């Protein structure tokens, strides 16, 4: 969390949001990787848009990681709030999206994203085999 603190101290709000988004994605991936067969069997598992084939977990986007983690009850439903906002802010890594978007990127947005990360860390349920 040291890098996040540095970003906040330097008022690098976008960098703080991107760091939190990466952590969120990593935690969700790790949770689902522990029970990959269950994740792949979920109705929410990500499929290729054209062929409709199931994608490897490593290819999933943040939206699918969130949906399947919710579907398998690895995270609480209150974290659903991160669903749309996380995806929107995560897309700001692309400079053109930030220019054409109307997203406000400031200290409150960075703090909100960090709060979601802390909620995820607090509430993530490590899956157990056979559970």
C-alpha atoms as a PDB file:
ATOM      1  CA  UNK A   1       0.000   0.000   0.000  1.00  0.00           C
ATOM      2  CA  UNK A   2       3.084   2.203   0.079  1.00  0.00           C
ATOM      3  CA  UNK A   3       2.848   3.037  -3.619  1.00  0.00           C
ATOM      4  CA  UNK A   4      -0.792   4.047  -3.192  1.00  0.00           C
ATOM      5  CA  UNK A   5       0.173   6.354  -0.319  1.00  0.00           C
ATOM      6  CA  UNK A   6       2.919   7.914  -2.417  1.00  0.00           C
ATOM      7  CA  UNK A   7       0.494   8.482  -5.274  1.00  0.00           C
ATOM      8  CA  UNK A   8      -1.975  10.116  -2.910  1.00  0.00           C
ATOM      9  CA  UNK A   9       0.731  12.301  -1.325  1.00  0.00           C
ATOM     10  CA  UNK A  10       1.796  13.459  -4.795  1.00  0.00           C
ATOM     11  CA  UNK A  11      -1.856  13.967  -5.856  1.00  0.00           C
ATOM     12  CA  UNK A  12      -1.500  11.403  -8.642  1.00  0.00           C
ATOM     13  CA  UNK A  13      -5.141  10.359  -8.468  1.00  0.00           C
ATOM     14  CA  UNK A  14      -5.231   8.383 -11.721  1.00  0.00           C
ATOM     15  CA  UNK A  15      -2.144   6.379 -10.748  1.00  0.00           C
ATOM     16  CA  UNK A  16      -3.696   5.585  -7.348  1.00  0.00           C
ATOM     17  CA  UNK A  17      -6.886   4.363  -9.035  1.00  0.00           C
ATOM     18  CA  UNK A  18      -4.948   2.203 -11.501  1.00  0.00           C
ATOM     19  CA  UNK A  19      -2.896   0.664  -8.673  1.00  0.00           C
ATOM     20  CA  UNK A  20      -6.065  -0.167  -6.733  1.00  0.00           C
ATOM     21  CA  UNK A  21      -7.680  -1.606  -9.876  1.00  0.00           C
ATOM     22  CA  UNK A  22      -4.685  -3.857 -10.453  1.00  0.00           C
ATOM     23  CA  UNK A  23      -4.851  -5.092  -6.864  1.00  0.00           C
ATOM     24  CA  UNK A  24      -8.584  -5.753  -7.137  1.00  0.00           C
ATOM     25  CA  UNK A  25      -8.072  -7.691 -10.346  1.00  0.00           C
ATOM     26  CA  UNK A  26      -5.217  -9.708  -8.818  1.00  0.00           C
ATOM     27  CA  UNK A  27      -7.191 -10.632  -5.705  1.00  0.00           C
ATOM     28  CA  UNK A  28     -10.213 -11.723  -7.723  1.00  0.00           C
ATOM     29  CA  UNK A  29      -8.053 -13.732 -10.121  1.00  0.00           C
ATOM     30  CA  UNK A  30      -6.330 -15.471  -7.201  1.00  0.00           C
ATOM     31  CA  UNK A  31      -9.652 -16.325  -5.536  1.00  0.00           C
ATOM     32  CA  UNK A  32     -11.039 -17.814  -8.743  1.00  0.00           C
ATOM     33  CA  UNK A  33      -7.809 -19.620  -9.639  1.00  0.00           C
ATOM     34  CA  UNK A  34      -8.042 -21.519  -6.344  1.00  0.00           C
ATOM     35  CA  UNK A  35     -11.326 -23.044  -7.564  1.00  0.00           C
ATOM     36  CA  UNK A  36     -10.826 -22.713 -11.287  1.00  0.00           C
ATOM     37  CA  UNK A  37     -13.121 -25.596 -12.240  1.00  0.00           C
ATOM     38  CA  UNK A  38     -15.997 -23.942 -10.345  1.00  0.00           C
ATOM     39  CA  UNK A  39     -15.190 -20.582 -11.925  1.00  0.00           C
ATOM     40  CA  UNK A  40     -15.156 -22.047 -15.423  1.00  0.00           C
ATOM     41  CA  UNK A  41     -18.442 -23.841 -14.737  1.00  0.00           C
ATOM     42  CA  UNK A  42     -20.194 -20.612 -13.686  1.00  0.00           C
ATOM     43  CA  UNK A  43     -22.894 -19.281 -15.998  1.00  0.00           C
ATOM     44  CA  UNK A  44     -21.080 -15.953 -15.747  1.00  0.00           C
ATOM     45  CA  UNK A  45     -17.752 -17.369 -17.014  1.00  0.00           C
ATOM     46  CA  UNK A  46     -16.315 -15.294 -19.821  1.00  0.00           C
ATOM     47  CA  UNK A  47     -16.639 -16.600 -23.357  1.00  0.00           C
ATOM     48  CA  UNK A  48     -15.182 -15.482 -26.642  1.00  0.00           C
ATOM     49  CA  UNK A  49     -17.557 -12.980 -28.224  1.00  0.00           C
ATOM     50  CA  UNK A  50     -17.464 -14.576 -31.663  1.00  0.00           C
ATOM     51  CA  UNK A  51     -16.954 -18.294 -31.119  1.00  0.00           C
ATOM     52  CA  UNK A  52     -18.711 -18.421 -27.713  1.00  0.00           C
ATOM     53  CA  UNK A  53     -15.931 -20.755 -26.516  1.00  0.00           C
ATOM     54  CA  UNK A  54     -15.022 -20.577 -22.847  1.00  0.00           C
ATOM     55  CA  UNK A  55     -11.926 -18.435 -22.283  1.00  0.00           C
ATOM     56  CA  UNK A  56      -9.052 -19.423 -20.032  1.00  0.00           C
ATOM     57  CA  UNK A  57      -9.275 -17.676 -16.680  1.00  0.00           C
ATOM     58  CA  UNK A  58      -6.074 -15.784 -17.515  1.00  0.00           C
ATOM     59  CA  UNK A  59      -7.899 -14.071 -20.405  1.00  0.00           C
ATOM     60  CA  UNK A  60     -10.894 -12.832 -18.396  1.00  0.00           C
ATOM     61  CA  UNK A  61     -11.586  -9.136 -17.995  1.00  0.00           C
ATOM     62  CA  UNK A  62     -12.310  -7.432 -14.692  1.00  0.00           C
ATOM     63  CA  UNK A  63     -16.058  -7.540 -15.293  1.00  0.00           C
ATOM     64  CA  UNK A  64     -16.068 -11.337 -15.615  1.00  0.00           C
ATOM     65  CA  UNK A  65     -13.826 -11.783 -12.580  1.00  0.00           C
ATOM     66  CA  UNK A  66     -16.271  -9.730 -10.508  1.00  0.00           C
ATOM     67  CA  UNK A  67     -19.383 -11.456 -11.881  1.00  0.00           C
ATOM     68  CA  UNK A  68     -18.067 -14.967 -11.257  1.00  0.00           C
ATOM     69  CA  UNK A  69     -16.682 -14.114  -7.809  1.00  0.00           C
ATOM     70  CA  UNK A  70     -20.152 -12.817  -6.918  1.00  0.00           C
ATOM     71  CA  UNK A  71     -21.834 -15.840  -8.505  1.00  0.00           C
ATOM     72  CA  UNK A  72     -19.683 -18.200  -6.438  1.00  0.00           C
ATOM     73  CA  UNK A  73     -20.145 -16.059  -3.290  1.00  0.00           C
ATOM     74  CA  UNK A  74     -16.396 -15.493  -2.931  1.00  0.00           C
ATOM     75  CA  UNK A  75     -17.134 -11.806  -2.363  1.00  0.00           C
ATOM     76  CA  UNK A  76     -20.091 -10.057  -0.795  1.00  0.00           C
ATOM     77  CA  UNK A  77     -22.875  -8.515  -2.816  1.00  0.00           C
ATOM     78  CA  UNK A  78     -22.109  -5.061  -1.424  1.00  0.00           C
ATOM     79  CA  UNK A  79     -18.936  -5.109  -3.491  1.00  0.00           C
ATOM     80  CA  UNK A  80     -21.126  -5.134  -6.607  1.00  0.00           C
ATOM     81  CA  UNK A  81     -20.896  -1.354  -6.471  1.00  0.00           C
ATOM     82  CA  UNK A  82     -17.361  -1.671  -7.754  1.00  0.00           C
ATOM     83  CA  UNK A  83     -18.623  -3.491 -10.836  1.00  0.00           C
ATOM     84  CA  UNK A  84     -19.368  -0.583 -13.163  1.00  0.00           C
ATOM     85  CA  UNK A  85     -17.173   2.086 -11.617  1.00  0.00           C
ATOM     86  CA  UNK A  86     -14.138  -0.192 -11.458  1.00  0.00           C
ATOM     87  CA  UNK A  87     -14.462  -0.999 -15.114  1.00  0.00           C
ATOM     88  CA  UNK A  88     -15.015   2.631 -16.078  1.00  0.00           C
ATOM     89  CA  UNK A  89     -12.065   3.948 -14.100  1.00  0.00           C
ATOM     90  CA  UNK A  90      -9.849   1.032 -15.104  1.00  0.00           C
ATOM     91  CA  UNK A  91     -10.449   1.991 -18.743  1.00  0.00           C
ATOM     92  CA  UNK A  92      -8.932   5.393 -18.025  1.00  0.00           C
ATOM     93  CA  UNK A  93      -5.514   3.812 -18.404  1.00  0.00           C
ATOM     94  CA  UNK A  94      -6.034   4.542 -22.107  1.00  0.00           C
ATOM     95  CA  UNK A  95      -5.232   8.263 -22.614  1.00  0.00           C
ATOM     96  CA  UNK A  96      -7.841   8.798 -25.339  1.00  0.00           C
ATOM     97  CA  UNK A  97     -10.611   7.497 -23.058  1.00  0.00           C
ATOM     98  CA  UNK A  98      -9.729  10.022 -20.398  1.00  0.00           C
ATOM     99  CA  UNK A  99      -9.769  12.886 -22.879  1.00  0.00           C
ATOM    100  CA  UNK A 100     -13.196  12.004 -24.313  1.00  0.00           C
ATOM    101  CA  UNK A 101     -14.785  10.893 -21.033  1.00  0.00           C
ATOM    102  CA  UNK A 102     -16.489  13.067 -18.497  1.00  0.00           C
ATOM    103  CA  UNK A 103     -15.042  11.188 -15.525  1.00  0.00           C
ATOM    104  CA  UNK A 104     -13.877  13.285 -12.631  1.00  0.00           C
ATOM    105  CA  UNK A 105     -10.556  12.018 -11.340  1.00  0.00           C
ATOM    106  CA  UNK A 106      -9.698  13.591  -8.033  1.00  0.00           C
ATOM    107  CA  UNK A 107      -8.930  12.680  -4.437  1.00  0.00           C
ATOM    108  CA  UNK A 108     -12.477  11.497  -3.564  1.00  0.00           C
ATOM    109  CA  UNK A 109     -12.526   9.063  -6.510  1.00  0.00           C
ATOM    110  CA  UNK A 110      -9.121   7.674  -5.540  1.00  0.00           C
ATOM    111  CA  UNK A 111     -10.250   7.304  -1.921  1.00  0.00           C
ATOM    112  CA  UNK A 112     -13.450   5.548  -3.014  1.00  0.00           C
ATOM    113  CA  UNK A 113     -11.495   3.069  -5.093  1.00  0.00           C
ATOM    114  CA  UNK A 114      -9.142   2.409  -2.177  1.00  0.00           C
ATOM    115  CA  UNK A 115     -12.150   1.838   0.080  1.00  0.00           C
ATOM    116  CA  UNK A 116     -13.464  -0.778  -2.341  1.00  0.00           C
ATOM    117  CA  UNK A 117     -10.059  -2.489  -2.320  1.00  0.00           C
ATOM    118  CA  UNK A 118     -10.062  -2.551   1.485  1.00  0.00           C
ATOM    119  CA  UNK A 119     -13.606  -3.981   1.489  1.00  0.00           C
ATOM    120  CA  UNK A 120     -12.520  -6.693  -0.937  1.00  0.00           C
ATOM    121  CA  UNK A 121      -9.508  -7.589   1.205  1.00  0.00           C
ATOM    122  CA  UNK A 122     -11.735  -7.696   4.294  1.00  0.00           C
ATOM    123  CA  UNK A 123     -14.564  -9.683   2.738  1.00  0.00           C
ATOM    124  CA  UNK A 124     -12.866 -12.015   0.270  1.00  0.00           C
ATOM    125  CA  UNK A 125     -13.593 -15.556   1.254  1.00  0.00           C
ATOM    126  CA  UNK A 126     -10.747 -17.872   0.452  1.00  0.00           C
ATOM    127  CA  UNK A 127     -12.448 -20.912  -1.094  1.00  0.00           C
ATOM    128  CA  UNK A 128     -11.781 -24.280   0.468  1.00  0.00           C
ATOM    129  CA  UNK A 129     -11.590 -27.514  -1.449  1.00  0.00           C
ATOM    130  CA  UNK A 130     -14.733 -29.542  -1.029  1.00  0.00           C
ATOM    131  CA  UNK A 131     -16.633 -26.538   0.302  1.00  0.00           C
END
